[in-house]
Amino acid sequence: MFESKSGVLFIAGLLFFAIAFLSNAVLPALMYQHLEEKTAEQLVNANLRYQFEDLAQRFPESFKEHIGTPPEEEEKAAEWYDEQCADMLRLGRDIYVGEGCWHCHSQFVRPVSNESERFGPVARSEEYQNELQRPVLFGTRRVGPDLSRESGRRSSDWHAVHFFKPTDLSPGSPMPEYPWFFDGDPAKPNRRGLALLTYVQWLGSWLDSYPYYEDYEESAIAQLERRADDEAREAATAGDEPEGEKANEELTDE
């Protein structure tokens, strides 16, 4: 066998396969075997809770009908939100898989091609140590953008309209419409729609850079407004009134 080129190539192929298996399967498994596999309940963090409660503000009728009304007592309400959020996470993940979203969207930011500039921080192994990544949803290709850093990037009502009719927000988008997630209108998501919105707003909610992983250039108008607010705050702290208020008082006196 070693006397022919085909034999040498065959042995070399087996050797490279063994090295790849050890480096890409066995070694990572040994390195991260100490990491606990998190449940959906453990994945509910402050950023996701904010987004979930925001659904109740944006879609109050749908939220009440399909999820319910939280208890009036603050502690019980917090527990109720956590439980409902975890349930919506599981359902949203199942819908994401069932609708084939992973065929067109990845959930893995690679350390190549400046992907961190496009999508956010490079993916880390511990991000996939949870029940919602069984099996992992790396995806097969990118017809659409990577979604592993989507949380907080856009509002839930934007996503609702995008699910209902993608071309209204992204002209020419190949993404299909999902009207069955709504009761006839993007402002009325049903239980499946609310679950998918919850799941999308979870993706990347654990990041320290949430939701400001993209560079933000402040506009000239925003700079002027911020400067005016800072000056007014400084004047108030010093015991002086802002000039605008003084002018208003002078006009009122006149």
C-alpha atoms as a PDB file:
ATOM      1  CA  MET A   1       0.000   0.000   0.000  1.00  0.00           C
ATOM      2  CA  PHE A   2       2.787   2.444   0.873  1.00  0.00           C
ATOM      3  CA  GLU A   3       4.504   1.708  -2.428  1.00  0.00           C
ATOM      4  CA  SER A   4       1.769   3.389  -4.501  1.00  0.00           C
ATOM      5  CA  LYS A   5       0.646   7.008  -4.564  1.00  0.00           C
ATOM      6  CA  SER A   6      -2.985   6.036  -4.011  1.00  0.00           C
ATOM      7  CA  GLY A   7      -2.020   4.147  -0.856  1.00  0.00           C
ATOM      8  CA  VAL A   8      -0.036   7.082   0.515  1.00  0.00           C
ATOM      9  CA  LEU A   9      -2.910   9.482  -0.231  1.00  0.00           C
ATOM     10  CA  PHE A  10      -5.370   7.091   1.409  1.00  0.00           C
ATOM     11  CA  ILE A  11      -3.332   6.877   4.606  1.00  0.00           C
ATOM     12  CA  ALA A  12      -2.776  10.660   4.579  1.00  0.00           C
ATOM     13  CA  GLY A  13      -6.515  11.196   4.186  1.00  0.00           C
ATOM     14  CA  LEU A  14      -7.260   9.012   7.195  1.00  0.00           C
ATOM     15  CA  LEU A  15      -4.611  10.825   9.212  1.00  0.00           C
ATOM     16  CA  PHE A  16      -5.992  14.275   8.359  1.00  0.00           C
ATOM     17  CA  PHE A  17      -9.521  13.081   9.162  1.00  0.00           C
ATOM     18  CA  ALA A  18      -8.340  11.867  12.568  1.00  0.00           C
ATOM     19  CA  ILE A  19      -6.595  15.177  13.280  1.00  0.00           C
ATOM     20  CA  ALA A  20      -9.695  17.141  12.252  1.00  0.00           C
ATOM     21  CA  PHE A  21     -11.921  14.941  14.413  1.00  0.00           C
ATOM     22  CA  LEU A  22      -9.675  15.376  17.427  1.00  0.00           C
ATOM     23  CA  SER A  23      -9.249  19.144  17.026  1.00  0.00           C
ATOM     24  CA  ASN A  24     -12.845  19.997  16.065  1.00  0.00           C
ATOM     25  CA  ALA A  25     -14.832  17.467  18.093  1.00  0.00           C
ATOM     26  CA  VAL A  26     -12.941  15.767  20.914  1.00  0.00           C
ATOM     27  CA  LEU A  27     -10.811  18.719  22.061  1.00  0.00           C
ATOM     28  CA  PRO A  28     -13.697  21.277  22.233  1.00  0.00           C
ATOM     29  CA  ALA A  29     -15.842  18.715  24.067  1.00  0.00           C
ATOM     30  CA  LEU A  30     -13.117  18.264  26.685  1.00  0.00           C
ATOM     31  CA  MET A  31     -12.461  22.012  26.972  1.00  0.00           C
ATOM     32  CA  TYR A  32     -16.085  22.943  27.608  1.00  0.00           C
ATOM     33  CA  GLN A  33     -17.427  19.879  29.397  1.00  0.00           C
ATOM     34  CA  HIS A  34     -17.598  21.895  32.626  1.00  0.00           C
ATOM     35  CA  LEU A  35     -20.142  24.318  31.161  1.00  0.00           C
ATOM     36  CA  GLU A  36     -23.682  23.738  32.359  1.00  0.00           C
ATOM     37  CA  GLU A  37     -26.334  23.387  29.675  1.00  0.00           C
ATOM     38  CA  LYS A  38     -28.756  26.191  30.434  1.00  0.00           C
ATOM     39  CA  THR A  39     -32.525  25.867  30.342  1.00  0.00           C
ATOM     40  CA  ALA A  40     -34.858  28.413  28.778  1.00  0.00           C
ATOM     41  CA  GLU A  41     -35.640  29.733  32.260  1.00  0.00           C
ATOM     42  CA  GLN A  42     -31.933  30.428  32.832  1.00  0.00           C
ATOM     43  CA  LEU A  43     -31.694  32.240  29.496  1.00  0.00           C
ATOM     44  CA  VAL A  44     -34.173  34.946  30.507  1.00  0.00           C
ATOM     45  CA  ASN A  45     -31.983  37.993  31.173  1.00  0.00           C
ATOM     46  CA  ALA A  46     -32.698  41.657  31.869  1.00  0.00           C
ATOM     47  CA  ASN A  47     -32.479  42.690  28.208  1.00  0.00           C
ATOM     48  CA  LEU A  48     -34.866  39.971  27.105  1.00  0.00           C
ATOM     49  CA  ARG A  49     -37.246  40.749  29.954  1.00  0.00           C
ATOM     50  CA  TYR A  50     -37.303  44.357  28.799  1.00  0.00           C
ATOM     51  CA  GLN A  51     -38.134  43.279  25.245  1.00  0.00           C
ATOM     52  CA  PHE A  52     -40.786  40.829  26.462  1.00  0.00           C
ATOM     53  CA  GLU A  53     -42.513  43.402  28.638  1.00  0.00           C
ATOM     54  CA  ASP A  54     -42.219  45.806  25.717  1.00  0.00           C
ATOM     55  CA  LEU A  55     -44.409  43.411  23.713  1.00  0.00           C
ATOM     56  CA  ALA A  56     -47.149  43.984  26.287  1.00  0.00           C
ATOM     57  CA  GLN A  57     -46.842  47.732  25.663  1.00  0.00           C
ATOM     58  CA  ARG A  58     -46.703  47.560  21.871  1.00  0.00           C
ATOM     59  CA  PHE A  59     -49.384  44.889  21.407  1.00  0.00           C
ATOM     60  CA  PRO A  60     -51.511  45.104  24.580  1.00  0.00           C
ATOM     61  CA  GLU A  61     -54.629  43.353  23.209  1.00  0.00           C
ATOM     62  CA  SER A  62     -52.695  40.520  21.561  1.00  0.00           C
ATOM     63  CA  PHE A  63     -50.469  40.062  24.605  1.00  0.00           C
ATOM     64  CA  LYS A  64     -53.449  39.862  26.948  1.00  0.00           C
ATOM     65  CA  GLU A  65     -55.351  37.442  24.696  1.00  0.00           C
ATOM     66  CA  HIS A  66     -52.534  35.036  23.860  1.00  0.00           C
ATOM     67  CA  ILE A  67     -50.236  35.270  26.896  1.00  0.00           C
ATOM     68  CA  GLY A  68     -52.305  36.732  29.705  1.00  0.00           C
ATOM     69  CA  THR A  69     -52.218  39.473  32.319  1.00  0.00           C
ATOM     70  CA  PRO A  70     -49.484  39.621  34.964  1.00  0.00           C
ATOM     71  CA  PRO A  71     -50.409  39.659  38.678  1.00  0.00           C
ATOM     72  CA  GLU A  72     -50.623  43.049  40.337  1.00  0.00           C
ATOM     73  CA  GLU A  73     -48.107  42.189  43.058  1.00  0.00           C
ATOM     74  CA  GLU A  74     -44.627  43.144  41.852  1.00  0.00           C
ATOM     75  CA  GLU A  75     -42.773  39.982  42.930  1.00  0.00           C
ATOM     76  CA  LYS A  76     -45.420  37.659  41.515  1.00  0.00           C
ATOM     77  CA  ALA A  77     -45.513  39.704  38.319  1.00  0.00           C
ATOM     78  CA  ALA A  78     -41.748  39.302  37.912  1.00  0.00           C
ATOM     79  CA  GLU A  79     -42.027  35.521  38.314  1.00  0.00           C
ATOM     80  CA  TRP A  80     -44.952  35.436  35.905  1.00  0.00           C
ATOM     81  CA  TYR A  81     -43.027  37.381  33.239  1.00  0.00           C
ATOM     82  CA  ASP A  82     -40.022  35.057  33.593  1.00  0.00           C
ATOM     83  CA  GLU A  83     -42.168  31.929  33.255  1.00  0.00           C
ATOM     84  CA  GLN A  84     -44.126  33.225  30.267  1.00  0.00           C
ATOM     85  CA  CYS A  85     -40.967  34.500  28.604  1.00  0.00           C
ATOM     86  CA  ALA A  86     -39.306  31.081  28.914  1.00  0.00           C
ATOM     87  CA  ASP A  87     -42.376  29.386  27.417  1.00  0.00           C
ATOM     88  CA  MET A  88     -42.411  31.860  24.533  1.00  0.00           C
ATOM     89  CA  LEU A  89     -38.699  31.254  23.966  1.00  0.00           C
ATOM     90  CA  ARG A  90     -39.229  27.528  23.544  1.00  0.00           C
ATOM     91  CA  LEU A  91     -42.223  28.001  21.255  1.00  0.00           C
ATOM     92  CA  GLY A  92     -40.444  30.703  19.244  1.00  0.00           C
ATOM     93  CA  ARG A  93     -37.434  28.472  18.728  1.00  0.00           C
ATOM     94  CA  ASP A  94     -39.673  25.625  17.517  1.00  0.00           C
ATOM     95  CA  ILE A  95     -41.407  27.984  15.082  1.00  0.00           C
ATOM     96  CA  TYR A  96     -38.051  29.318  13.848  1.00  0.00           C
ATOM     97  CA  VAL A  97     -36.962  25.746  13.095  1.00  0.00           C
ATOM     98  CA  GLY A  98     -40.327  24.629  11.722  1.00  0.00           C
ATOM     99  CA  GLU A  99     -40.605  27.534   9.299  1.00  0.00           C
ATOM    100  CA  GLY A 100     -37.093  26.856   7.991  1.00  0.00           C
ATOM    101  CA  CYS A 101     -35.679  30.250   9.013  1.00  0.00           C
ATOM    102  CA  TRP A 102     -32.299  28.582   9.560  1.00  0.00           C
ATOM    103  CA  HIS A 103     -32.114  27.771   5.836  1.00  0.00           C
ATOM    104  CA  CYS A 104     -31.565  31.453   5.017  1.00  0.00           C
ATOM    105  CA  HIS A 105     -30.190  32.906   8.265  1.00  0.00           C
ATOM    106  CA  SER A 106     -27.110  31.841  10.180  1.00  0.00           C
ATOM    107  CA  GLN A 107     -26.549  32.128  13.922  1.00  0.00           C
ATOM    108  CA  PHE A 108     -22.786  32.148  13.941  1.00  0.00           C
ATOM    109  CA  VAL A 109     -20.467  35.156  13.519  1.00  0.00           C
ATOM    110  CA  ARG A 110     -17.143  33.891  12.171  1.00  0.00           C
ATOM    111  CA  PRO A 111     -13.719  35.446  12.892  1.00  0.00           C
ATOM    112  CA  VAL A 112     -13.160  36.093   9.180  1.00  0.00           C
ATOM    113  CA  SER A 113     -14.071  38.614   6.469  1.00  0.00           C
ATOM    114  CA  ASN A 114     -14.727  41.423   8.972  1.00  0.00           C
ATOM    115  CA  GLU A 115     -17.952  39.721  10.039  1.00  0.00           C
ATOM    116  CA  SER A 116     -17.697  41.377  13.447  1.00  0.00           C
ATOM    117  CA  GLU A 117     -18.049  44.741  11.695  1.00  0.00           C
ATOM    118  CA  ARG A 118     -21.206  43.580   9.906  1.00  0.00           C
ATOM    119  CA  PHE A 119     -23.000  41.570  12.546  1.00  0.00           C
ATOM    120  CA  GLY A 120     -21.369  42.054  15.951  1.00  0.00           C
ATOM    121  CA  PRO A 121     -18.901  40.215  18.225  1.00  0.00           C
ATOM    122  CA  VAL A 122     -17.488  36.904  17.028  1.00  0.00           C
ATOM    123  CA  ALA A 123     -19.442  33.906  18.353  1.00  0.00           C
ATOM    124  CA  ARG A 124     -18.185  32.105  21.477  1.00  0.00           C
ATOM    125  CA  SER A 125     -18.613  28.446  22.402  1.00  0.00           C
ATOM    126  CA  GLU A 126     -20.526  29.133  25.623  1.00  0.00           C
ATOM    127  CA  GLU A 127     -23.289  30.882  23.682  1.00  0.00           C
ATOM    128  CA  TYR A 128     -24.416  27.517  22.337  1.00  0.00           C
ATOM    129  CA  GLN A 129     -24.473  25.635  25.642  1.00  0.00           C
ATOM    130  CA  ASN A 130     -28.242  25.780  26.119  1.00  0.00           C
ATOM    131  CA  GLU A 131     -31.388  23.860  25.232  1.00  0.00           C
ATOM    132  CA  LEU A 132     -32.370  26.272  22.463  1.00  0.00           C
ATOM    133  CA  GLN A 133     -29.253  25.274  20.531  1.00  0.00           C
ATOM    134  CA  ARG A 134     -30.032  21.555  20.397  1.00  0.00           C
ATOM    135  CA  PRO A 135     -29.236  20.996  17.606  1.00  0.00           C
ATOM    136  CA  VAL A 136     -27.172  24.113  17.014  1.00  0.00           C
ATOM    137  CA  LEU A 137     -28.656  26.539  14.495  1.00  0.00           C
ATOM    138  CA  PHE A 138     -25.492  27.628  12.704  1.00  0.00           C
ATOM    139  CA  GLY A 139     -27.534  27.600   9.487  1.00  0.00           C
ATOM    140  CA  THR A 140     -26.632  26.408   6.003  1.00  0.00           C
ATOM    141  CA  ARG A 141     -26.170  29.692   4.121  1.00  0.00           C
ATOM    142  CA  ARG A 142     -26.890  33.416   4.310  1.00  0.00           C
ATOM    143  CA  VAL A 143     -29.637  34.500   1.978  1.00  0.00           C
ATOM    144  CA  GLY A 144     -30.469  36.961   4.742  1.00  0.00           C
ATOM    145  CA  PRO A 145     -28.196  38.393   7.453  1.00  0.00           C
ATOM    146  CA  ASP A 146     -26.864  36.559  10.472  1.00  0.00           C
ATOM    147  CA  LEU A 147     -29.381  36.808  13.333  1.00  0.00           C
ATOM    148  CA  SER A 148     -27.280  35.824  16.340  1.00  0.00           C
ATOM    149  CA  ARG A 149     -26.853  39.527  17.230  1.00  0.00           C
ATOM    150  CA  GLU A 150     -30.339  40.718  16.277  1.00  0.00           C
ATOM    151  CA  SER A 151     -31.705  41.485  19.747  1.00  0.00           C
ATOM    152  CA  GLY A 152     -32.174  45.201  20.337  1.00  0.00           C
ATOM    153  CA  ARG A 153     -31.058  46.076  16.837  1.00  0.00           C
ATOM    154  CA  ARG A 154     -34.602  46.741  15.671  1.00  0.00           C
ATOM    155  CA  SER A 155     -37.879  47.190  17.526  1.00  0.00           C
ATOM    156  CA  SER A 156     -40.464  44.430  17.803  1.00  0.00           C
ATOM    157  CA  ASP A 157     -43.001  46.359  15.736  1.00  0.00           C
ATOM    158  CA  TRP A 158     -40.413  46.572  12.944  1.00  0.00           C
ATOM    159  CA  HIS A 159     -40.040  42.794  13.080  1.00  0.00           C
ATOM    160  CA  ALA A 160     -43.824  42.362  13.125  1.00  0.00           C
ATOM    161  CA  VAL A 161     -44.211  44.338   9.897  1.00  0.00           C
ATOM    162  CA  HIS A 162     -41.226  42.517   8.398  1.00  0.00           C
ATOM    163  CA  PHE A 163     -42.738  39.109   9.178  1.00  0.00           C
ATOM    164  CA  PHE A 164     -46.122  40.187   7.846  1.00  0.00           C
ATOM    165  CA  LYS A 165     -44.836  41.647   4.561  1.00  0.00           C
ATOM    166  CA  PRO A 166     -41.023  41.870   4.239  1.00  0.00           C
ATOM    167  CA  THR A 167     -41.007  43.973   1.071  1.00  0.00           C
ATOM    168  CA  ASP A 168     -42.708  46.858   2.899  1.00  0.00           C
ATOM    169  CA  LEU A 169     -39.444  47.400   4.782  1.00  0.00           C
ATOM    170  CA  SER A 170     -36.912  45.678   2.523  1.00  0.00           C
ATOM    171  CA  PRO A 171     -37.837  46.215  -1.135  1.00  0.00           C
ATOM    172  CA  GLY A 172     -36.802  43.260  -3.253  1.00  0.00           C
ATOM    173  CA  SER A 173     -36.424  40.937  -0.259  1.00  0.00           C
ATOM    174  CA  PRO A 174     -36.708  37.210  -1.143  1.00  0.00           C
ATOM    175  CA  MET A 175     -38.103  36.494   2.333  1.00  0.00           C
ATOM    176  CA  PRO A 176     -41.630  35.013   2.180  1.00  0.00           C
ATOM    177  CA  GLU A 177     -44.585  36.563   3.971  1.00  0.00           C
ATOM    178  CA  TYR A 178     -45.867  35.039   7.214  1.00  0.00           C
ATOM    179  CA  PRO A 179     -49.447  36.326   7.606  1.00  0.00           C
ATOM    180  CA  TRP A 180     -50.385  33.269   9.714  1.00  0.00           C
ATOM    181  CA  PHE A 181     -48.435  34.790  12.598  1.00  0.00           C
ATOM    182  CA  PHE A 182     -51.028  37.572  12.814  1.00  0.00           C
ATOM    183  CA  ASP A 183     -54.756  38.111  13.093  1.00  0.00           C
ATOM    184  CA  GLY A 184     -55.029  39.960   9.793  1.00  0.00           C
ATOM    185  CA  ASP A 185     -52.767  42.864  10.705  1.00  0.00           C
ATOM    186  CA  PRO A 186     -49.100  43.298  11.754  1.00  0.00           C
ATOM    187  CA  ALA A 187     -50.343  45.176  14.819  1.00  0.00           C
ATOM    188  CA  LYS A 188     -52.151  42.002  15.942  1.00  0.00           C
ATOM    189  CA  PRO A 189     -49.631  39.165  16.348  1.00  0.00           C
ATOM    190  CA  ASN A 190     -51.089  35.864  17.546  1.00  0.00           C
ATOM    191  CA  ARG A 191     -49.416  33.532  20.039  1.00  0.00           C
ATOM    192  CA  ARG A 192     -47.048  32.153  17.386  1.00  0.00           C
ATOM    193  CA  GLY A 193     -46.138  35.664  16.260  1.00  0.00           C
ATOM    194  CA  LEU A 194     -45.439  36.824  19.812  1.00  0.00           C
ATOM    195  CA  ALA A 195     -43.308  33.736  20.414  1.00  0.00           C
ATOM    196  CA  LEU A 196     -41.204  34.339  17.318  1.00  0.00           C
ATOM    197  CA  LEU A 197     -40.740  38.009  18.247  1.00  0.00           C
ATOM    198  CA  THR A 198     -39.572  36.910  21.706  1.00  0.00           C
ATOM    199  CA  TYR A 199     -37.107  34.440  20.225  1.00  0.00           C
ATOM    200  CA  VAL A 200     -35.631  36.959  17.775  1.00  0.00           C
ATOM    201  CA  GLN A 201     -35.237  39.516  20.569  1.00  0.00           C
ATOM    202  CA  TRP A 202     -33.370  36.902  22.601  1.00  0.00           C
ATOM    203  CA  LEU A 203     -30.665  36.370  19.975  1.00  0.00           C
ATOM    204  CA  GLY A 204     -27.690  38.336  21.282  1.00  0.00           C
ATOM    205  CA  SER A 205     -29.441  39.730  24.367  1.00  0.00           C
ATOM    206  CA  TRP A 206     -26.663  38.257  26.529  1.00  0.00           C
ATOM    207  CA  LEU A 207     -23.913  40.419  24.994  1.00  0.00           C
ATOM    208  CA  ASP A 208     -22.126  43.058  27.072  1.00  0.00           C
ATOM    209  CA  SER A 209     -22.296  45.334  24.026  1.00  0.00           C
ATOM    210  CA  TYR A 210     -26.091  44.954  23.732  1.00  0.00           C
ATOM    211  CA  PRO A 211     -27.600  46.625  21.806  1.00  0.00           C
ATOM    212  CA  TYR A 212     -24.846  49.012  20.709  1.00  0.00           C
ATOM    213  CA  TYR A 213     -22.494  46.668  18.890  1.00  0.00           C
ATOM    214  CA  GLU A 214     -22.783  48.784  15.723  1.00  0.00           C
ATOM    215  CA  ASP A 215     -20.959  52.080  15.323  1.00  0.00           C
ATOM    216  CA  TYR A 216     -23.277  55.041  15.818  1.00  0.00           C
ATOM    217  CA  GLU A 217     -22.544  58.457  14.408  1.00  0.00           C
ATOM    218  CA  GLU A 218     -24.488  61.186  16.133  1.00  0.00           C
ATOM    219  CA  SER A 219     -26.199  63.606  13.742  1.00  0.00           C
ATOM    220  CA  ALA A 220     -25.560  67.349  13.904  1.00  0.00           C
ATOM    221  CA  ILE A 221     -29.087  67.977  15.195  1.00  0.00           C
ATOM    222  CA  ALA A 222     -28.685  65.315  17.877  1.00  0.00           C
ATOM    223  CA  GLN A 223     -25.394  66.901  18.926  1.00  0.00           C
ATOM    224  CA  LEU A 224     -27.044  70.319  19.311  1.00  0.00           C
ATOM    225  CA  GLU A 225     -29.927  68.841  21.294  1.00  0.00           C
ATOM    226  CA  ARG A 226     -27.581  66.926  23.572  1.00  0.00           C
ATOM    227  CA  ARG A 227     -25.432  70.034  24.089  1.00  0.00           C
ATOM    228  CA  ALA A 228     -28.499  72.095  24.967  1.00  0.00           C
ATOM    229  CA  ASP A 229     -29.647  69.439  27.437  1.00  0.00           C
ATOM    230  CA  ASP A 230     -26.194  69.334  29.042  1.00  0.00           C
ATOM    231  CA  GLU A 231     -26.085  73.117  29.387  1.00  0.00           C
ATOM    232  CA  ALA A 232     -29.561  73.206  30.890  1.00  0.00           C
ATOM    233  CA  ARG A 233     -28.618  70.461  33.343  1.00  0.00           C
ATOM    234  CA  GLU A 234     -25.431  72.257  34.355  1.00  0.00           C
ATOM    235  CA  ALA A 235     -27.323  75.508  34.837  1.00  0.00           C
ATOM    236  CA  ALA A 236     -29.939  73.799  36.972  1.00  0.00           C
ATOM    237  CA  THR A 237     -27.247  72.152  39.080  1.00  0.00           C
ATOM    238  CA  ALA A 238     -25.568  75.520  39.632  1.00  0.00           C
ATOM    239  CA  GLY A 239     -28.870  77.006  40.745  1.00  0.00           C
ATOM    240  CA  ASP A 240     -29.385  79.010  37.577  1.00  0.00           C
ATOM    241  CA  GLU A 241     -32.270  78.696  35.185  1.00  0.00           C
ATOM    242  CA  PRO A 242     -31.604  77.894  31.521  1.00  0.00           C
ATOM    243  CA  GLU A 243     -31.692  80.934  29.260  1.00  0.00           C
ATOM    244  CA  GLY A 244     -34.678  79.542  27.393  1.00  0.00           C
ATOM    245  CA  GLU A 245     -36.771  79.443  30.572  1.00  0.00           C
ATOM    246  CA  LYS A 246     -35.665  82.952  31.544  1.00  0.00           C
ATOM    247  CA  ALA A 247     -36.699  84.241  28.147  1.00  0.00           C
ATOM    248  CA  ASN A 248     -40.072  82.528  28.475  1.00  0.00           C
ATOM    249  CA  GLU A 249     -40.593  84.097  31.924  1.00  0.00           C
ATOM    250  CA  GLU A 250     -39.704  87.554  30.571  1.00  0.00           C
ATOM    251  CA  LEU A 251     -42.200  87.142  27.741  1.00  0.00           C
ATOM    252  CA  THR A 252     -44.847  85.993  30.224  1.00  0.00           C
ATOM    253  CA  ASP A 253     -44.227  89.000  32.463  1.00  0.00           C
ATOM    254  CA  GLU A 254     -44.583  91.321  29.497  1.00  0.00           C
END
